[in-house]
Amino acid sequence: MAICPAASQHIWPECAKADKVCLGSTDGKIDLTKKSGTAMFCFCILGDDGLMEYPVFTGVFIMGFRLLSCFLLSCVLMVSSAHAAVVTYTLSGGTIDGTLDGVSFTGANFTITADADPSNFVPGTVFGAPLLSQPAVSTMTIDGFASFQITNANFGPFLADVANLVGPGIGYGGFAFPEGELLRGIAAIGPLSSLSSNVTVTGALEGTADFTFTTTAGDLIFTSVSGNGTFNGEFPSSAVPEPTSMAIFGLGALGMAYRARRKSKA
């Protein structure tokens, strides 16, 4: 450890006190001048001539710098958290018939929910209709049964603008998974203003009939649906694909092959 008189005469007044100790050398590298008995440190950047070339960071400045760094880090974390917000997507209303693990149900109320990040929806098309979909853990409740999760790969909430297939201002909202050009699931079809922001679709309930969905409670099969359902959730404001030329429906609107038969009201 050596005394550094060359540095001591060029440091700021805060450091120009007695009991200064220089750690290191004075050959153009960084010297650390420390005032004993306090938490004040001064970094003296020396040139080849032994003179300081840059200001000295005092303990007060260092503390302020640390506080500013913490503040900026907090802002970054807050922004990240805002973009990672999770929204609950829900489909309910109407009634369904079918079986769960071999046990029949008729005219049962149901609800399907899933938590998902709106920014993670993947744009695509189905039969030329703009589509937003996202795989998500989806929980279903049916009257008379304990809640369970639907476990088909890529099953989750979706929203589709079917104006070019059904009519202007009409959309599908619900839960399904893609299979080729088809969607396997259950949804409501009704008025839809856009594929972004907070969305609610209320209208006739549609579903894939005689198809086996896998769940944590056993196989689930819909045989018929009735009434109106309501789907709601939040979707990103980013652009979605433009509709392409109208394609043939096939079996079932929006490619929900073998659509569940809708029972007429008495």
Protein backbone atom coordinates (compact mmCIF):
# COMPACT_ATOMS: atom_id res chain seq x y z
CA MET A 1 0.00 0.00 0.00
CA ALA A 2 1.48 3.35 -0.98
CA ILE A 3 0.81 7.02 -0.31
CA CYS A 4 -0.38 8.85 -3.43
CA PRO A 5 0.50 12.55 -3.13
CA ALA A 6 -0.04 13.12 -6.84
CA ALA A 7 -3.63 12.00 -6.62
CA SER A 8 -4.35 13.72 -3.33
CA GLN A 9 -3.87 17.20 -4.72
CA HIS A 10 -6.29 16.67 -7.60
CA ILE A 11 -9.27 15.00 -5.92
CA TRP A 12 -12.49 16.77 -4.91
CA PRO A 13 -12.73 18.54 -1.56
CA GLU A 14 -14.89 15.76 -0.14
CA CYS A 15 -11.94 13.43 -0.44
CA ALA A 16 -9.20 15.95 0.27
CA LYS A 17 -9.07 15.07 3.94
CA ALA A 18 -6.48 13.51 6.16
CA ASP A 19 -5.86 9.78 6.41
CA LYS A 20 -6.15 9.16 2.68
CA VAL A 21 -4.91 5.82 1.46
CA CYS A 22 -4.35 4.93 -2.16
CA LEU A 23 -4.94 1.32 -3.17
CA GLY A 24 -3.11 0.27 -6.29
CA SER A 25 -0.56 2.22 -8.28
CA THR A 26 -0.34 5.62 -9.94
CA ASP A 27 0.80 4.46 -13.34
CA GLY A 28 -2.29 5.54 -15.25
CA LYS A 29 -4.70 3.04 -13.69
CA ILE A 30 -7.53 3.48 -11.20
CA ASP A 31 -6.60 4.56 -7.68
CA LEU A 32 -9.02 4.24 -4.79
CA THR A 33 -8.75 7.01 -2.20
CA LYS A 34 -10.51 6.27 1.04
CA LYS A 35 -11.25 8.55 3.94
CA SER A 36 -10.83 6.41 7.02
CA GLY A 37 -13.65 6.21 9.53
CA THR A 38 -16.42 6.87 7.00
CA ALA A 39 -18.16 5.10 4.14
CA MET A 40 -16.94 7.64 1.62
CA PHE A 41 -14.94 6.34 -1.32
CA CYS A 42 -13.41 8.31 -4.17
CA PHE A 43 -12.36 6.73 -7.42
CA CYS A 44 -9.51 8.74 -8.91
CA ILE A 45 -9.00 8.05 -12.60
CA LEU A 46 -5.42 9.04 -13.32
CA GLY A 47 -3.82 9.78 -16.66
CA ASP A 48 -0.28 9.04 -17.64
CA ASP A 49 0.79 12.32 -16.07
CA GLY A 50 -0.64 11.33 -12.70
CA LEU A 51 -3.49 13.87 -12.90
CA MET A 52 -7.17 13.02 -12.52
CA GLU A 53 -8.98 12.95 -15.87
CA TYR A 54 -12.53 12.24 -14.67
CA PRO A 55 -14.63 13.44 -11.73
CA VAL A 56 -14.50 11.55 -8.48
CA PHE A 57 -17.56 9.54 -7.38
CA THR A 58 -18.18 10.29 -3.75
CA GLY A 59 -20.14 8.04 -1.42
CA VAL A 60 -23.19 10.31 -1.73
CA PHE A 61 -23.11 10.16 -5.52
CA ILE A 62 -22.72 6.38 -5.46
CA MET A 63 -25.72 6.03 -3.16
CA GLY A 64 -27.82 8.22 -5.48
CA PHE A 65 -26.69 6.18 -8.46
CA ARG A 66 -27.74 2.97 -6.73
CA LEU A 67 -31.16 4.40 -5.87
CA LEU A 68 -31.65 5.52 -9.47
CA SER A 69 -30.65 2.07 -10.71
CA CYS A 70 -33.18 0.43 -8.37
CA PHE A 71 -35.89 2.82 -9.56
CA LEU A 72 -35.19 2.07 -13.23
CA LEU A 73 -35.16 -1.68 -12.53
CA SER A 74 -38.53 -1.36 -10.77
CA CYS A 75 -39.96 0.44 -13.81
CA VAL A 76 -38.74 -2.32 -16.12
CA LEU A 77 -40.28 -4.99 -13.88
CA MET A 78 -43.59 -3.08 -13.74
CA VAL A 79 -43.71 -2.82 -17.53
CA SER A 80 -42.89 -6.51 -17.88
CA SER A 81 -45.63 -7.39 -15.39
CA ALA A 82 -48.12 -5.24 -17.28
CA HIS A 83 -47.41 -7.12 -20.50
CA ALA A 84 -47.68 -10.45 -18.71
CA ALA A 85 -51.19 -9.82 -17.36
CA VAL A 86 -53.36 -12.94 -17.16
CA VAL A 87 -57.02 -12.81 -18.15
CA THR A 88 -59.77 -15.35 -17.44
CA TYR A 89 -61.69 -16.56 -20.51
CA THR A 90 -65.16 -18.02 -19.95
CA LEU A 91 -67.86 -19.82 -21.91
CA SER A 92 -71.19 -20.61 -20.26
CA GLY A 93 -74.91 -20.56 -20.91
CA GLY A 94 -77.17 -22.98 -22.73
CA THR A 95 -77.28 -26.67 -21.89
CA ILE A 96 -75.52 -29.79 -23.14
CA ASP A 97 -76.23 -33.50 -23.45
CA GLY A 98 -73.60 -36.20 -23.55
CA THR A 99 -71.46 -38.52 -21.46
CA LEU A 100 -68.47 -38.09 -19.15
CA ASP A 101 -66.48 -41.21 -18.39
CA GLY A 102 -69.50 -43.22 -19.57
CA VAL A 103 -71.99 -41.42 -17.29
CA SER A 104 -74.80 -39.66 -19.15
CA PHE A 105 -76.00 -36.12 -18.57
CA THR A 106 -78.97 -34.36 -20.15
CA GLY A 107 -79.85 -30.68 -20.26
CA ALA A 108 -76.87 -29.89 -18.02
CA ASN A 109 -75.53 -26.43 -17.37
CA PHE A 110 -71.80 -26.02 -17.89
CA THR A 111 -68.92 -23.56 -17.68
CA ILE A 112 -65.45 -23.62 -19.23
CA THR A 113 -62.72 -21.27 -18.00
CA ALA A 114 -59.03 -20.73 -18.73
CA ASP A 115 -56.42 -18.21 -17.64
CA ALA A 116 -54.21 -16.93 -20.45
CA ASP A 117 -52.04 -13.98 -21.51
CA PRO A 118 -53.79 -11.93 -24.23
CA SER A 119 -50.45 -11.21 -25.90
CA ASN A 120 -49.86 -14.92 -26.55
CA PHE A 121 -52.75 -15.50 -28.94
CA VAL A 122 -51.59 -16.87 -32.27
CA PRO A 123 -53.20 -15.43 -35.43
CA GLY A 124 -54.32 -17.80 -38.13
CA THR A 125 -57.28 -18.71 -40.30
CA VAL A 126 -59.89 -21.43 -40.41
CA PHE A 127 -61.81 -21.87 -43.66
CA GLY A 128 -60.60 -18.41 -44.65
CA ALA A 129 -61.87 -16.79 -41.45
CA PRO A 130 -59.43 -14.77 -39.28
CA LEU A 131 -58.72 -16.71 -36.10
CA LEU A 132 -56.97 -16.07 -32.79
CA SER A 133 -56.24 -19.11 -30.63
CA GLN A 134 -54.07 -20.12 -27.70
CA PRO A 135 -53.51 -23.42 -25.88
CA ALA A 136 -54.37 -23.05 -22.19
CA VAL A 137 -55.29 -25.17 -19.21
CA SER A 138 -59.09 -25.28 -19.54
CA THR A 139 -61.32 -26.26 -16.64
CA MET A 140 -64.90 -27.41 -17.21
CA THR A 141 -67.76 -27.89 -14.80
CA ILE A 142 -70.96 -29.79 -15.65
CA ASP A 143 -73.95 -30.07 -13.35
CA GLY A 144 -73.66 -33.25 -11.28
CA PHE A 145 -69.90 -33.69 -11.81
CA ALA A 146 -66.77 -32.41 -10.12
CA SER A 147 -64.75 -29.95 -12.17
CA PHE A 148 -62.13 -31.36 -14.53
CA GLN A 149 -59.66 -30.25 -17.17
CA ILE A 150 -59.87 -30.91 -20.91
CA THR A 151 -56.50 -32.31 -21.94
CA ASN A 152 -56.56 -32.51 -25.75
CA ALA A 153 -53.34 -31.01 -27.12
CA ASN A 154 -53.61 -27.28 -27.97
CA PHE A 155 -57.10 -27.00 -26.47
CA GLY A 156 -57.89 -23.47 -25.31
CA PRO A 157 -59.81 -20.25 -25.96
CA PHE A 158 -60.33 -18.98 -29.49
CA LEU A 159 -62.06 -16.18 -31.36
CA ALA A 160 -62.92 -16.12 -35.06
CA ASP A 161 -64.45 -13.49 -37.32
CA VAL A 162 -66.76 -15.44 -39.62
CA ALA A 163 -68.23 -12.49 -41.50
CA ASN A 164 -67.13 -14.01 -44.81
CA LEU A 165 -68.76 -17.32 -43.92
CA VAL A 166 -71.93 -16.46 -42.02
CA GLY A 167 -72.58 -12.74 -42.37
CA PRO A 168 -71.25 -9.28 -41.48
CA GLY A 169 -70.46 -8.66 -37.84
CA ILE A 170 -70.67 -12.33 -36.80
CA GLY A 171 -68.07 -14.21 -34.80
CA TYR A 172 -67.36 -17.43 -32.95
CA GLY A 173 -65.96 -17.41 -29.42
CA GLY A 174 -65.29 -20.44 -27.27
CA PHE A 175 -62.89 -23.28 -26.58
CA ALA A 176 -61.47 -25.71 -29.10
CA PHE A 177 -58.33 -27.15 -30.63
CA PRO A 178 -57.40 -27.20 -34.31
CA GLU A 179 -57.33 -30.45 -36.21
CA GLY A 180 -56.37 -29.86 -39.82
CA GLU A 181 -58.95 -27.48 -41.25
CA LEU A 182 -61.36 -28.15 -38.39
CA LEU A 183 -61.93 -26.86 -34.89
CA ARG A 184 -62.98 -29.41 -32.28
CA GLY A 185 -64.78 -27.84 -29.34
CA ILE A 186 -67.73 -25.78 -28.21
CA ALA A 187 -68.50 -22.11 -28.84
CA ALA A 188 -71.10 -19.37 -29.08
CA ILE A 189 -71.86 -17.69 -32.40
CA GLY A 190 -73.16 -14.14 -32.37
CA PRO A 191 -72.43 -10.45 -32.99
CA LEU A 192 -68.73 -9.54 -32.98
CA SER A 193 -67.42 -6.02 -33.49
CA SER A 194 -63.70 -6.83 -33.66
CA LEU A 195 -61.00 -9.35 -32.78
CA SER A 196 -59.34 -7.07 -30.24
CA SER A 197 -59.71 -5.67 -26.72
CA ASN A 198 -62.48 -6.90 -24.41
CA VAL A 199 -64.77 -9.19 -26.39
CA THR A 200 -68.13 -10.76 -25.62
CA VAL A 201 -69.91 -13.10 -28.02
CA THR A 202 -73.45 -14.13 -27.13
CA GLY A 203 -75.57 -16.36 -29.33
CA ALA A 204 -76.48 -19.89 -30.34
CA LEU A 205 -74.33 -22.58 -28.78
CA GLU A 206 -72.48 -24.84 -31.24
CA GLY A 207 -70.31 -27.87 -30.54
CA THR A 208 -68.54 -30.88 -32.03
CA ALA A 209 -70.78 -33.92 -31.62
CA ASP A 210 -69.81 -37.58 -31.29
CA PHE A 211 -66.17 -36.72 -30.83
CA THR A 212 -64.21 -37.95 -27.85
CA PHE A 213 -62.48 -35.22 -25.86
CA THR A 214 -59.91 -36.39 -23.33
CA THR A 215 -60.18 -35.01 -19.79
CA THR A 216 -58.85 -35.62 -16.31
CA ALA A 217 -62.24 -37.18 -15.45
CA GLY A 218 -62.44 -39.55 -18.41
CA ASP A 219 -63.68 -39.26 -21.98
CA LEU A 220 -66.14 -36.45 -22.74
CA ILE A 221 -68.63 -36.70 -25.62
CA PHE A 222 -71.23 -34.11 -26.61
CA THR A 223 -74.38 -35.43 -28.28
CA SER A 224 -76.42 -32.22 -28.45
CA VAL A 225 -76.47 -28.61 -27.29
CA SER A 226 -79.24 -26.06 -26.91
CA GLY A 227 -79.86 -22.46 -25.95
CA ASN A 228 -77.54 -19.47 -26.10
CA GLY A 229 -74.02 -19.33 -24.77
CA THR A 230 -71.81 -16.38 -23.83
CA PHE A 231 -68.06 -16.20 -24.35
CA ASN A 232 -65.92 -13.38 -23.03
CA GLY A 233 -62.25 -12.51 -22.79
CA GLU A 234 -59.58 -10.03 -23.81
CA PHE A 235 -57.65 -10.12 -27.08
CA PRO A 236 -54.63 -8.20 -28.40
CA SER A 237 -55.00 -5.13 -30.57
CA SER A 238 -52.37 -6.37 -33.04
CA ALA A 239 -53.37 -7.01 -36.64
CA VAL A 240 -54.88 -10.34 -37.63
CA PRO A 241 -54.86 -12.00 -41.04
CA GLU A 242 -57.27 -10.64 -43.63
CA PRO A 243 -60.01 -13.06 -44.68
CA THR A 244 -59.20 -15.04 -47.78
CA SER A 245 -61.71 -16.22 -50.34
CA MET A 246 -64.74 -18.00 -48.93
CA ALA A 247 -64.21 -21.72 -48.52
CA ILE A 248 -66.73 -24.54 -48.45
CA PHE A 249 -68.17 -25.10 -44.99
CA GLY A 250 -67.89 -28.85 -45.01
CA LEU A 251 -69.76 -30.40 -42.13
CA GLY A 252 -70.58 -27.81 -39.52
CA ALA A 253 -70.13 -24.06 -39.36
CA LEU A 254 -66.50 -22.93 -38.98
CA GLY A 255 -65.31 -26.46 -39.58
CA MET A 256 -66.79 -27.86 -36.38
CA ALA A 257 -67.30 -31.18 -38.11
CA TYR A 258 -70.35 -33.15 -37.14
CA ARG A 259 -71.70 -30.18 -35.25
CA ALA A 260 -73.72 -31.09 -32.20
CA ARG A 261 -77.42 -31.13 -33.03
CA ARG A 262 -79.25 -28.13 -31.61
CA LYS A 263 -82.52 -29.16 -29.99
CA SER A 264 -85.53 -27.06 -31.00
CA LYS A 265 -87.48 -25.38 -28.24
CA ALA A 266 -90.86 -26.80 -27.43
